[in-house]
Amino acid sequence: MNPFKGNAKEVVSEATLFDKLKWLTSKEAAFLLRTSAGQIRNLVWRGRLKAYHYGSRLRFLRSDVEGLLTPSF
């Protein structure tokens, strides 16, 4: 009996949900760019990433975050 069988389904469903998100938190944007949330705040401060305020929280459009990704050939 595989103890990880149930957990694999949860991970797959969370990954699928993450792919469909339009708005990202700082933590999610950092995960997508493989960096820290602090670096995301630096990118906002430098004007390289547009942030939207939702109450006192920052949110990012997924398309804006993906625009920072550079292909590695």
Protein backbone atom coordinates (compact mmCIF):
# COMPACT_ATOMS: atom_id res chain seq x y z
CA MET A 1 0.00 0.00 0.00
CA ASN A 2 1.40 3.38 -1.05
CA PRO A 3 1.02 6.06 1.69
CA PHE A 4 1.70 8.87 -0.81
CA LYS A 5 -1.04 7.93 -3.25
CA GLY A 6 -3.65 10.27 -1.73
CA ASN A 7 -1.16 13.13 -1.38
CA ALA A 8 -0.21 12.99 -5.07
CA LYS A 9 -3.80 13.74 -6.09
CA GLU A 10 -3.85 16.79 -3.81
CA VAL A 11 -0.62 18.11 -5.30
CA VAL A 12 -1.91 17.63 -8.85
CA SER A 13 -5.17 19.41 -8.09
CA GLU A 14 -3.34 22.31 -6.41
CA ALA A 15 -0.98 22.64 -9.40
CA THR A 16 -3.93 22.67 -11.79
CA LEU A 17 -5.65 25.33 -9.70
CA PHE A 18 -2.46 27.43 -9.58
CA ASP A 19 -2.24 27.36 -13.40
CA LYS A 20 -5.73 28.83 -13.72
CA LEU A 21 -5.24 31.78 -11.33
CA LYS A 22 -5.39 35.25 -12.85
CA TRP A 23 -4.38 37.18 -9.72
CA LEU A 24 -1.34 36.17 -7.68
CA THR A 25 -0.15 37.05 -4.20
CA SER A 26 3.47 38.05 -3.55
CA LYS A 27 4.24 34.53 -2.38
CA GLU A 28 2.69 32.94 -5.48
CA ALA A 29 4.49 35.39 -7.79
CA ALA A 30 7.76 34.59 -6.02
CA PHE A 31 7.14 30.87 -6.47
CA LEU A 32 6.44 31.36 -10.18
CA LEU A 33 9.64 33.39 -10.65
CA ARG A 34 11.62 31.11 -8.30
CA THR A 35 12.66 33.98 -6.06
CA SER A 36 11.66 35.46 -2.69
CA ALA A 37 8.69 37.64 -1.76
CA GLY A 38 11.21 40.34 -0.81
CA GLN A 39 12.59 40.32 -4.34
CA ILE A 40 9.03 40.70 -5.67
CA ARG A 41 8.62 43.82 -3.51
CA ASN A 42 11.94 45.13 -4.89
CA LEU A 43 10.69 44.62 -8.44
CA VAL A 44 7.55 46.62 -7.60
CA TRP A 45 9.58 49.40 -5.97
CA ARG A 46 11.89 49.61 -9.03
CA GLY A 47 8.90 49.76 -11.37
CA ARG A 48 9.63 46.49 -13.16
CA LEU A 49 6.45 44.77 -11.92
CA LYS A 50 3.04 46.40 -11.66
CA ALA A 51 1.21 45.76 -8.40
CA TYR A 52 -2.46 46.26 -7.62
CA HIS A 53 -3.74 47.00 -4.13
CA TYR A 54 -6.53 44.86 -2.77
CA GLY A 55 -7.15 46.42 0.60
CA SER A 56 -3.73 46.50 2.23
CA ARG A 57 -2.47 43.55 0.17
CA LEU A 58 -0.57 43.53 -3.11
CA ARG A 59 -1.83 41.45 -6.00
CA PHE A 60 -0.24 40.81 -9.38
CA LEU A 61 -1.64 39.83 -12.73
CA ARG A 62 -0.26 36.48 -13.80
CA SER A 63 0.46 37.89 -17.28
CA ASP A 64 2.60 40.68 -15.76
CA VAL A 65 4.60 38.19 -13.71
CA GLU A 66 5.06 35.85 -16.67
CA GLY A 67 6.30 38.84 -18.68
CA LEU A 68 9.38 38.90 -16.43
CA LEU A 69 10.30 35.33 -17.29
CA THR A 70 13.16 35.08 -19.75
CA PRO A 71 13.80 31.99 -21.82
CA SER A 72 17.00 30.16 -20.98
CA PHE A 73 18.46 28.69 -24.12
